[in-house]
Amino acid sequence: MIELDNGVTIEQGVFMKLNNEIEIADFLKAVNAAKGEVWLESTQGDRYNLKSTLSRYVAFGALIENHGAELELFCANSSDEPLFYNFFDKHPEAL
């Protein structure tokens, strides 16, 4: 478990279950800065590769449809995790 500066605690590896109030521009900055793959995974096992523009549209469509609570964020490269810790620290409403 990781505790962010804003007091929010998140599980390492599984960062969040997204809600539809995510700040997309800042979120995509973190995705684009990541060196490894970043993806959202649904409870049904669907994976949305956020490095792919087409997959981003599908993933954000699922968020808009209020399926965010069913989507978990993963990073293939653990060194990318601080990018998202910083994002969630600035945007706790996304959790």
PDB file of N, CA and C in Angstrom:
ATOM      1  N   MET A   1       0.846  -1.182   0.000  1.00  0.00           N
ATOM      2  CA  MET A   1       0.000   0.000   0.000  1.00  0.00           C
ATOM      3  C   MET A   1       0.884   1.234   0.000  1.00  0.00           C
ATOM      4  N   ILE A   2       0.450   2.250  -0.726  1.00  0.00           N
ATOM      5  CA  ILE A   2       1.152   3.514  -0.824  1.00  0.00           C
ATOM      6  C   ILE A   2       0.223   4.607  -0.317  1.00  0.00           C
ATOM      7  N   GLU A   3       0.724   5.463   0.574  1.00  0.00           N
ATOM      8  CA  GLU A   3      -0.068   6.599   1.026  1.00  0.00           C
ATOM      9  C   GLU A   3       0.437   7.849   0.321  1.00  0.00           C
ATOM     10  N   LEU A   4      -0.478   8.533  -0.376  1.00  0.00           N
ATOM     11  CA  LEU A   4      -0.138   9.755  -1.083  1.00  0.00           C
ATOM     12  C   LEU A   4      -0.109  10.923  -0.105  1.00  0.00           C
ATOM     13  N   ASP A   5       0.462  12.044  -0.536  1.00  0.00           N
ATOM     14  CA  ASP A   5       0.547  13.230   0.313  1.00  0.00           C
ATOM     15  C   ASP A   5      -0.820  13.727   0.747  1.00  0.00           C
ATOM     16  N   ASN A   6      -1.856  13.499  -0.076  1.00  0.00           N
ATOM     17  CA  ASN A   6      -3.200  13.969   0.256  1.00  0.00           C
ATOM     18  C   ASN A   6      -3.936  13.018   1.202  1.00  0.00           C
ATOM     19  N   GLY A   7      -3.241  11.968   1.682  1.00  0.00           N
ATOM     20  CA  GLY A   7      -3.827  11.037   2.637  1.00  0.00           C
ATOM     21  C   GLY A   7      -4.516   9.837   2.015  1.00  0.00           C
ATOM     22  N   VAL A   8      -4.658   9.809   0.715  1.00  0.00           N
ATOM     23  CA  VAL A   8      -5.287   8.688   0.022  1.00  0.00           C
ATOM     24  C   VAL A   8      -4.307   7.528  -0.018  1.00  0.00           C
ATOM     25  N   THR A   9      -4.787   6.329   0.279  1.00  0.00           N
ATOM     26  CA  THR A   9      -3.973   5.130   0.237  1.00  0.00           C
ATOM     27  C   THR A   9      -4.386   4.306  -0.965  1.00  0.00           C
ATOM     28  N   ILE A  10      -3.398   3.856  -1.749  1.00  0.00           N
ATOM     29  CA  ILE A  10      -3.690   3.035  -2.914  1.00  0.00           C
ATOM     30  C   ILE A  10      -2.816   1.798  -2.883  1.00  0.00           C
ATOM     31  N   GLU A  11      -3.320   0.735  -3.484  1.00  0.00           N
ATOM     32  CA  GLU A  11      -2.590  -0.529  -3.538  1.00  0.00           C
ATOM     33  C   GLU A  11      -1.541  -0.453  -4.629  1.00  0.00           C
ATOM     34  N   GLN A  12      -0.340  -0.884  -4.344  1.00  0.00           N
ATOM     35  CA  GLN A  12       0.729  -0.850  -5.330  1.00  0.00           C
ATOM     36  C   GLN A  12       0.430  -1.851  -6.436  1.00  0.00           C
ATOM     37  N   GLY A  13       0.642  -1.444  -7.681  1.00  0.00           N
ATOM     38  CA  GLY A  13       0.370  -2.304  -8.826  1.00  0.00           C
ATOM     39  C   GLY A  13      -1.019  -2.079  -9.383  1.00  0.00           C
ATOM     40  N   VAL A  14      -2.023  -2.078  -8.540  1.00  0.00           N
ATOM     41  CA  VAL A  14      -3.378  -1.730  -8.946  1.00  0.00           C
ATOM     42  C   VAL A  14      -3.612  -0.342  -8.391  1.00  0.00           C
ATOM     43  N   PHE A  15      -3.557   0.650  -9.248  1.00  0.00           N
ATOM     44  CA  PHE A  15      -3.576   2.013  -8.762  1.00  0.00           C
ATOM     45  C   PHE A  15      -4.948   2.507  -8.378  1.00  0.00           C
ATOM     46  N   MET A  16      -5.911   2.175  -9.146  1.00  0.00           N
ATOM     47  CA  MET A  16      -7.216   2.763  -8.871  1.00  0.00           C
ATOM     48  C   MET A  16      -8.299   2.070  -9.642  1.00  0.00           C
ATOM     49  N   LYS A  17      -9.467   2.315  -9.185  1.00  0.00           N
ATOM     50  CA  LYS A  17     -10.657   2.050  -9.961  1.00  0.00           C
ATOM     51  C   LYS A  17     -11.132   3.440 -10.351  1.00  0.00           C
ATOM     52  N   LEU A  18     -11.089   3.722 -11.632  1.00  0.00           N
ATOM     53  CA  LEU A  18     -11.368   5.058 -12.132  1.00  0.00           C
ATOM     54  C   LEU A  18     -12.823   5.445 -11.981  1.00  0.00           C
ATOM     55  N   ASN A  19     -13.054   6.739 -11.842  1.00  0.00           N
ATOM     56  CA  ASN A  19     -14.412   7.244 -11.984  1.00  0.00           C
ATOM     57  C   ASN A  19     -14.427   8.186 -13.171  1.00  0.00           C
ATOM     58  N   ASN A  20     -15.601   8.655 -13.554  1.00  0.00           N
ATOM     59  CA  ASN A  20     -15.697   9.463 -14.767  1.00  0.00           C
ATOM     60  C   ASN A  20     -15.380  10.929 -14.540  1.00  0.00           C
ATOM     61  N   GLU A  21     -14.821  11.288 -13.396  1.00  0.00           N
ATOM     62  CA  GLU A  21     -14.419  12.657 -13.129  1.00  0.00           C
ATOM     63  C   GLU A  21     -12.915  12.842 -13.306  1.00  0.00           C
ATOM     64  N   ILE A  22     -12.303  12.001 -14.076  1.00  0.00           N
ATOM     65  CA  ILE A  22     -10.857  12.041 -14.274  1.00  0.00           C
ATOM     66  C   ILE A  22     -10.480  13.243 -15.147  1.00  0.00           C
ATOM     67  N   GLU A  23      -9.381  13.878 -14.814  1.00  0.00           N
ATOM     68  CA  GLU A  23      -8.823  14.980 -15.600  1.00  0.00           C
ATOM     69  C   GLU A  23      -8.016  14.340 -16.734  1.00  0.00           C
ATOM     70  N   ILE A  24      -8.645  14.217 -17.886  1.00  0.00           N
ATOM     71  CA  ILE A  24      -8.076  13.429 -18.980  1.00  0.00           C
ATOM     72  C   ILE A  24      -6.749  13.986 -19.474  1.00  0.00           C
ATOM     73  N   ALA A  25      -6.632  15.301 -19.644  1.00  0.00           N
ATOM     74  CA  ALA A  25      -5.391  15.874 -20.184  1.00  0.00           C
ATOM     75  C   ALA A  25      -4.204  15.551 -19.286  1.00  0.00           C
ATOM     76  N   ASP A  26      -4.354  15.733 -17.972  1.00  0.00           N
ATOM     77  CA  ASP A  26      -3.259  15.439 -17.041  1.00  0.00           C
ATOM     78  C   ASP A  26      -2.984  13.938 -16.974  1.00  0.00           C
ATOM     79  N   PHE A  27      -4.054  13.137 -17.031  1.00  0.00           N
ATOM     80  CA  PHE A  27      -3.894  11.689 -17.006  1.00  0.00           C
ATOM     81  C   PHE A  27      -3.086  11.220 -18.221  1.00  0.00           C
ATOM     82  N   LEU A  28      -3.406  11.764 -19.390  1.00  0.00           N
ATOM     83  CA  LEU A  28      -2.685  11.365 -20.598  1.00  0.00           C
ATOM     84  C   LEU A  28      -1.234  11.848 -20.585  1.00  0.00           C
ATOM     85  N   LYS A  29      -0.949  12.943 -19.907  1.00  0.00           N
ATOM     86  CA  LYS A  29       0.444  13.369 -19.754  1.00  0.00           C
ATOM     87  C   LYS A  29       1.235  12.304 -19.008  1.00  0.00           C
ATOM     88  N   ALA A  30       0.629  11.761 -17.951  1.00  0.00           N
ATOM     89  CA  ALA A  30       1.291  10.699 -17.186  1.00  0.00           C
ATOM     90  C   ALA A  30       1.456   9.449 -18.045  1.00  0.00           C
ATOM     91  N   VAL A  31       0.421   9.090 -18.797  1.00  0.00           N
ATOM     92  CA  VAL A  31       0.501   7.914 -19.687  1.00  0.00           C
ATOM     93  C   VAL A  31       1.607   8.111 -20.714  1.00  0.00           C
ATOM     94  N   ASN A  32       1.640   9.277 -21.336  1.00  0.00           N
ATOM     95  CA  ASN A  32       2.638   9.540 -22.378  1.00  0.00           C
ATOM     96  C   ASN A  32       4.062   9.572 -21.822  1.00  0.00           C
ATOM     97  N   ALA A  33       4.208   9.978 -20.570  1.00  0.00           N
ATOM     98  CA  ALA A  33       5.537  10.030 -19.954  1.00  0.00           C
ATOM     99  C   ALA A  33       6.034   8.656 -19.523  1.00  0.00           C
ATOM    100  N   ALA A  34       5.126   7.703 -19.406  1.00  0.00           N
ATOM    101  CA  ALA A  34       5.504   6.356 -18.973  1.00  0.00           C
ATOM    102  C   ALA A  34       6.392   5.687 -20.017  1.00  0.00           C
ATOM    103  N   LYS A  35       7.415   5.009 -19.543  1.00  0.00           N
ATOM    104  CA  LYS A  35       8.337   4.308 -20.446  1.00  0.00           C
ATOM    105  C   LYS A  35       7.780   2.960 -20.892  1.00  0.00           C
ATOM    106  N   GLY A  36       7.033   2.318 -20.012  1.00  0.00           N
ATOM    107  CA  GLY A  36       6.463   1.016 -20.317  1.00  0.00           C
ATOM    108  C   GLY A  36       4.999   1.110 -20.682  1.00  0.00           C
ATOM    109  N   GLU A  37       4.398  -0.047 -20.882  1.00  0.00           N
ATOM    110  CA  GLU A  37       2.978  -0.109 -21.206  1.00  0.00           C
ATOM    111  C   GLU A  37       2.139   0.273 -19.989  1.00  0.00           C
ATOM    112  N   VAL A  38       1.039   0.929 -20.266  1.00  0.00           N
ATOM    113  CA  VAL A  38       0.072   1.314 -19.242  1.00  0.00           C
ATOM    114  C   VAL A  38      -1.284   0.871 -19.775  1.00  0.00           C
ATOM    115  N   TRP A  39      -2.084   0.212 -18.930  1.00  0.00           N
ATOM    116  CA  TRP A  39      -3.378  -0.252 -19.414  1.00  0.00           C
ATOM    117  C   TRP A  39      -4.417  -0.212 -18.317  1.00  0.00           C
ATOM    118  N   LEU A  40      -5.654  -0.172 -18.775  1.00  0.00           N
ATOM    119  CA  LEU A  40      -6.813  -0.338 -17.901  1.00  0.00           C
ATOM    120  C   LEU A  40      -7.350  -1.730 -18.156  1.00  0.00           C
ATOM    121  N   GLU A  41      -7.801  -2.366 -17.084  1.00  0.00           N
ATOM    122  CA  GLU A  41      -8.355  -3.710 -17.214  1.00  0.00           C
ATOM    123  C   GLU A  41      -9.713  -3.746 -16.540  1.00  0.00           C
ATOM    124  N   SER A  42     -10.689  -4.317 -17.246  1.00  0.00           N
ATOM    125  CA  SER A  42     -12.036  -4.419 -16.698  1.00  0.00           C
ATOM    126  C   SER A  42     -12.157  -5.672 -15.844  1.00  0.00           C
ATOM    127  N   THR A  43     -13.228  -5.740 -15.074  1.00  0.00           N
ATOM    128  CA  THR A  43     -13.476  -6.923 -14.249  1.00  0.00           C
ATOM    129  C   THR A  43     -13.773  -8.143 -15.120  1.00  0.00           C
ATOM    130  N   GLN A  44     -14.130  -7.915 -16.394  1.00  0.00           N
ATOM    131  CA  GLN A  44     -14.378  -9.019 -17.324  1.00  0.00           C
ATOM    132  C   GLN A  44     -13.099  -9.472 -18.017  1.00  0.00           C
ATOM    133  N   GLY A  45     -11.968  -8.798 -17.730  1.00  0.00           N
ATOM    134  CA  GLY A  45     -10.694  -9.186 -18.312  1.00  0.00           C
ATOM    135  C   GLY A  45     -10.311  -8.426 -19.575  1.00  0.00           C
ATOM    136  N   ASP A  46     -11.160  -7.466 -20.003  1.00  0.00           N
ATOM    137  CA  ASP A  46     -10.810  -6.648 -21.161  1.00  0.00           C
ATOM    138  C   ASP A  46      -9.652  -5.731 -20.786  1.00  0.00           C
ATOM    139  N   ARG A  47      -8.670  -5.618 -21.688  1.00  0.00           N
ATOM    140  CA  ARG A  47      -7.503  -4.747 -21.457  1.00  0.00           C
ATOM    141  C   ARG A  47      -7.498  -3.640 -22.501  1.00  0.00           C
ATOM    142  N   TYR A  48      -7.300  -2.408 -22.024  1.00  0.00           N
ATOM    143  CA  TYR A  48      -7.221  -1.241 -22.889  1.00  0.00           C
ATOM    144  C   TYR A  48      -5.827  -0.654 -22.770  1.00  0.00           C
ATOM    145  N   ASN A  49      -5.016  -0.830 -23.811  1.00  0.00           N
ATOM    146  CA  ASN A  49      -3.653  -0.327 -23.836  1.00  0.00           C
ATOM    147  C   ASN A  49      -3.707   1.188 -24.029  1.00  0.00           C
ATOM    148  N   LEU A  50      -3.304   1.942 -23.013  1.00  0.00           N
ATOM    149  CA  LEU A  50      -3.412   3.394 -23.072  1.00  0.00           C
ATOM    150  C   LEU A  50      -2.311   4.047 -23.899  1.00  0.00           C
ATOM    151  N   LYS A  51      -1.388   3.264 -24.414  1.00  0.00           N
ATOM    152  CA  LYS A  51      -0.392   3.789 -25.346  1.00  0.00           C
ATOM    153  C   LYS A  51      -0.952   3.780 -26.771  1.00  0.00           C
ATOM    154  N   SER A  52      -2.077   3.131 -26.970  1.00  0.00           N
ATOM    155  CA  SER A  52      -2.747   3.061 -28.269  1.00  0.00           C
ATOM    156  C   SER A  52      -3.878   4.088 -28.313  1.00  0.00           C
ATOM    157  N   THR A  53      -3.882   4.929 -29.331  1.00  0.00           N
ATOM    158  CA  THR A  53      -4.915   5.961 -29.455  1.00  0.00           C
ATOM    159  C   THR A  53      -6.301   5.346 -29.569  1.00  0.00           C
ATOM    160  N   LEU A  54      -6.465   4.306 -30.347  1.00  0.00           N
ATOM    161  CA  LEU A  54      -7.766   3.667 -30.500  1.00  0.00           C
ATOM    162  C   LEU A  54      -8.250   3.089 -29.166  1.00  0.00           C
ATOM    163  N   SER A  55      -7.359   2.412 -28.453  1.00  0.00           N
ATOM    164  CA  SER A  55      -7.733   1.842 -27.149  1.00  0.00           C
ATOM    165  C   SER A  55      -8.108   2.931 -26.156  1.00  0.00           C
ATOM    166  N   ARG A  56      -7.453   4.087 -26.248  1.00  0.00           N
ATOM    167  CA  ARG A  56      -7.802   5.210 -25.357  1.00  0.00           C
ATOM    168  C   ARG A  56      -9.255   5.622 -25.559  1.00  0.00           C
ATOM    169  N   TYR A  57      -9.673   5.733 -26.818  1.00  0.00           N
ATOM    170  CA  TYR A  57     -11.058   6.121 -27.101  1.00  0.00           C
ATOM    171  C   TYR A  57     -12.038   5.115 -26.512  1.00  0.00           C
ATOM    172  N   VAL A  58     -11.740   3.844 -26.660  1.00  0.00           N
ATOM    173  CA  VAL A  58     -12.620   2.800 -26.124  1.00  0.00           C
ATOM    174  C   VAL A  58     -12.644   2.868 -24.593  1.00  0.00           C
ATOM    175  N   ALA A  59     -11.477   3.025 -23.981  1.00  0.00           N
ATOM    176  CA  ALA A  59     -11.384   3.080 -22.516  1.00  0.00           C
ATOM    177  C   ALA A  59     -12.119   4.294 -21.966  1.00  0.00           C
ATOM    178  N   PHE A  60     -11.913   5.455 -22.589  1.00  0.00           N
ATOM    179  CA  PHE A  60     -12.590   6.660 -22.094  1.00  0.00           C
ATOM    180  C   PHE A  60     -14.084   6.597 -22.362  1.00  0.00           C
ATOM    181  N   GLY A  61     -14.481   5.889 -23.417  1.00  0.00           N
ATOM    182  CA  GLY A  61     -15.910   5.655 -23.635  1.00  0.00           C
ATOM    183  C   GLY A  61     -16.509   4.846 -22.502  1.00  0.00           C
ATOM    184  N   ALA A  62     -15.773   3.844 -22.030  1.00  0.00           N
ATOM    185  CA  ALA A  62     -16.240   3.038 -20.890  1.00  0.00           C
ATOM    186  C   ALA A  62     -16.337   3.900 -19.635  1.00  0.00           C
ATOM    187  N   LEU A  63     -15.406   4.826 -19.452  1.00  0.00           N
ATOM    188  CA  LEU A  63     -15.460   5.727 -18.302  1.00  0.00           C
ATOM    189  C   LEU A  63     -16.701   6.612 -18.361  1.00  0.00           C
ATOM    190  N   ILE A  64     -16.963   7.150 -19.542  1.00  0.00           N
ATOM    191  CA  ILE A  64     -18.118   8.034 -19.715  1.00  0.00           C
ATOM    192  C   ILE A  64     -19.413   7.289 -19.423  1.00  0.00           C
ATOM    193  N   GLU A  65     -19.442   6.010 -19.741  1.00  0.00           N
ATOM    194  CA  GLU A  65     -20.625   5.193 -19.475  1.00  0.00           C
ATOM    195  C   GLU A  65     -20.701   4.745 -18.017  1.00  0.00           C
ATOM    196  N   ASN A  66     -19.886   5.348 -17.157  1.00  0.00           N
ATOM    197  CA  ASN A  66     -19.880   5.055 -15.716  1.00  0.00           C
ATOM    198  C   ASN A  66     -19.441   3.640 -15.389  1.00  0.00           C
ATOM    199  N   HIS A  67     -18.531   3.097 -16.182  1.00  0.00           N
ATOM    200  CA  HIS A  67     -17.953   1.789 -15.885  1.00  0.00           C
ATOM    201  C   HIS A  67     -16.584   1.938 -15.215  1.00  0.00           C
ATOM    202  N   GLY A  68     -16.260   3.137 -14.792  1.00  0.00           N
ATOM    203  CA  GLY A  68     -14.948   3.387 -14.212  1.00  0.00           C
ATOM    204  C   GLY A  68     -14.640   2.525 -13.011  1.00  0.00           C
ATOM    205  N   ALA A  69     -15.656   2.254 -12.202  1.00  0.00           N
ATOM    206  CA  ALA A  69     -15.436   1.436 -11.010  1.00  0.00           C
ATOM    207  C   ALA A  69     -15.033   0.018 -11.370  1.00  0.00           C
ATOM    208  N   GLU A  70     -15.209  -0.344 -12.644  1.00  0.00           N
ATOM    209  CA  GLU A  70     -14.843  -1.679 -13.106  1.00  0.00           C
ATOM    210  C   GLU A  70     -13.478  -1.697 -13.786  1.00  0.00           C
ATOM    211  N   LEU A  71     -12.812  -0.546 -13.877  1.00  0.00           N
ATOM    212  CA  LEU A  71     -11.533  -0.450 -14.579  1.00  0.00           C
ATOM    213  C   LEU A  71     -10.406  -0.187 -13.594  1.00  0.00           C
ATOM    214  N   GLU A  72      -9.362  -1.005 -13.693  1.00  0.00           N
ATOM    215  CA  GLU A  72      -8.190  -0.841 -12.831  1.00  0.00           C
ATOM    216  C   GLU A  72      -6.993  -0.487 -13.701  1.00  0.00           C
ATOM    217  N   LEU A  73      -6.127   0.363 -13.164  1.00  0.00           N
ATOM    218  CA  LEU A  73      -4.952   0.829 -13.891  1.00  0.00           C
ATOM    219  C   LEU A  73      -3.738   0.004 -13.520  1.00  0.00           C
ATOM    220  N   PHE A  74      -2.950  -0.370 -14.525  1.00  0.00           N
ATOM    221  CA  PHE A  74      -1.727  -1.143 -14.313  1.00  0.00           C
ATOM    222  C   PHE A  74      -0.592  -0.529 -15.123  1.00  0.00           C
ATOM    223  N   CYS A  75       0.633  -0.686 -14.623  1.00  0.00           N
ATOM    224  CA  CYS A  75       1.850  -0.290 -15.344  1.00  0.00           C
ATOM    225  C   CYS A  75       2.741  -1.513 -15.470  1.00  0.00           C
ATOM    226  N   ALA A  76       3.289  -1.732 -16.658  1.00  0.00           N
ATOM    227  CA  ALA A  76       4.210  -2.843 -16.857  1.00  0.00           C
ATOM    228  C   ALA A  76       5.550  -2.551 -16.199  1.00  0.00           C
ATOM    229  N   ASN A  77       5.926  -1.294 -16.148  1.00  0.00           N
ATOM    230  CA  ASN A  77       7.219  -0.881 -15.609  1.00  0.00           C
ATOM    231  C   ASN A  77       6.985  -0.183 -14.262  1.00  0.00           C
ATOM    232  N   SER A  78       7.449  -0.771 -13.190  1.00  0.00           N
ATOM    233  CA  SER A  78       7.201  -0.202 -11.863  1.00  0.00           C
ATOM    234  C   SER A  78       7.819   1.185 -11.700  1.00  0.00           C
ATOM    235  N   SER A  79       8.815   1.533 -12.513  1.00  0.00           N
ATOM    236  CA  SER A  79       9.399   2.868 -12.415  1.00  0.00           C
ATOM    237  C   SER A  79       8.440   3.942 -12.945  1.00  0.00           C
ATOM    238  N   ASP A  80       7.368   3.537 -13.637  1.00  0.00           N
ATOM    239  CA  ASP A  80       6.360   4.486 -14.111  1.00  0.00           C
ATOM    240  C   ASP A  80       5.316   4.811 -13.041  1.00  0.00           C
ATOM    241  N   GLU A  81       5.240   4.009 -12.002  1.00  0.00           N
ATOM    242  CA  GLU A  81       4.217   4.197 -10.978  1.00  0.00           C
ATOM    243  C   GLU A  81       4.231   5.591 -10.350  1.00  0.00           C
ATOM    244  N   PRO A  82       5.397   6.192 -10.063  1.00  0.00           N
ATOM    245  CA  PRO A  82       5.379   7.543  -9.469  1.00  0.00           C
ATOM    246  C   PRO A  82       4.679   8.596 -10.331  1.00  0.00           C
ATOM    247  N   LEU A  83       4.668   8.410 -11.650  1.00  0.00           N
ATOM    248  CA  LEU A  83       3.938   9.336 -12.519  1.00  0.00           C
ATOM    249  C   LEU A  83       2.465   9.370 -12.146  1.00  0.00           C
ATOM    250  N   PHE A  84       1.922   8.216 -11.838  1.00  0.00           N
ATOM    251  CA  PHE A  84       0.504   8.130 -11.506  1.00  0.00           C
ATOM    252  C   PHE A  84       0.248   8.480 -10.046  1.00  0.00           C
ATOM    253  N   TYR A  85       1.207   8.182  -9.160  1.00  0.00           N
ATOM    254  CA  TYR A  85       1.062   8.641  -7.776  1.00  0.00           C
ATOM    255  C   TYR A  85       0.935  10.153  -7.762  1.00  0.00           C
ATOM    256  N   ASN A  86       1.782  10.825  -8.543  1.00  0.00           N
ATOM    257  CA  ASN A  86       1.720  12.289  -8.612  1.00  0.00           C
ATOM    258  C   ASN A  86       0.391  12.752  -9.195  1.00  0.00           C
ATOM    259  N   PHE A  87      -0.092  12.073 -10.226  1.00  0.00           N
ATOM    260  CA  PHE A  87      -1.379  12.429 -10.817  1.00  0.00           C
ATOM    261  C   PHE A  87      -2.496  12.306  -9.781  1.00  0.00           C
ATOM    262  N   PHE A  88      -2.535  11.186  -9.051  1.00  0.00           N
ATOM    263  CA  PHE A  88      -3.605  10.975  -8.075  1.00  0.00           C
ATOM    264  C   PHE A  88      -3.482  11.921  -6.889  1.00  0.00           C
ATOM    265  N   ASP A  89      -2.257  12.303  -6.569  1.00  0.00           N
ATOM    266  CA  ASP A  89      -2.060  13.270  -5.500  1.00  0.00           C
ATOM    267  C   ASP A  89      -2.670  14.613  -5.886  1.00  0.00           C
ATOM    268  N   LYS A  90      -2.507  14.995  -7.152  1.00  0.00           N
ATOM    269  CA  LYS A  90      -3.069  16.266  -7.646  1.00  0.00           C
ATOM    270  C   LYS A  90      -4.551  16.162  -7.957  1.00  0.00           C
ATOM    271  N   HIS A  91      -5.039  14.964  -8.278  1.00  0.00           N
ATOM    272  CA  HIS A  91      -6.422  14.757  -8.696  1.00  0.00           C
ATOM    273  C   HIS A  91      -7.069  13.608  -7.916  1.00  0.00           C
ATOM    274  N   PRO A  92      -7.253  13.761  -6.597  1.00  0.00           N
ATOM    275  CA  PRO A  92      -7.840  12.658  -5.813  1.00  0.00           C
ATOM    276  C   PRO A  92      -9.270  12.315  -6.241  1.00  0.00           C
ATOM    277  N   GLU A  93      -9.940  13.236  -6.929  1.00  0.00           N
ATOM    278  CA  GLU A  93     -11.306  12.956  -7.391  1.00  0.00           C
ATOM    279  C   GLU A  93     -11.335  11.831  -8.423  1.00  0.00           C
ATOM    280  N   ALA A  94     -10.195  11.513  -9.009  1.00  0.00           N
ATOM    281  CA  ALA A  94     -10.132  10.440 -10.011  1.00  0.00           C
ATOM    282  C   ALA A  94     -10.214   9.054  -9.371  1.00  0.00           C
ATOM    283  N   LEU A  95      -9.970   8.981  -8.082  1.00  0.00           N
ATOM    284  CA  LEU A  95     -10.004   7.682  -7.392  1.00  0.00           C
ATOM    285  C   LEU A  95     -11.402   7.318  -6.968  1.00  0.00           C
TER     286      LEU A  95
END
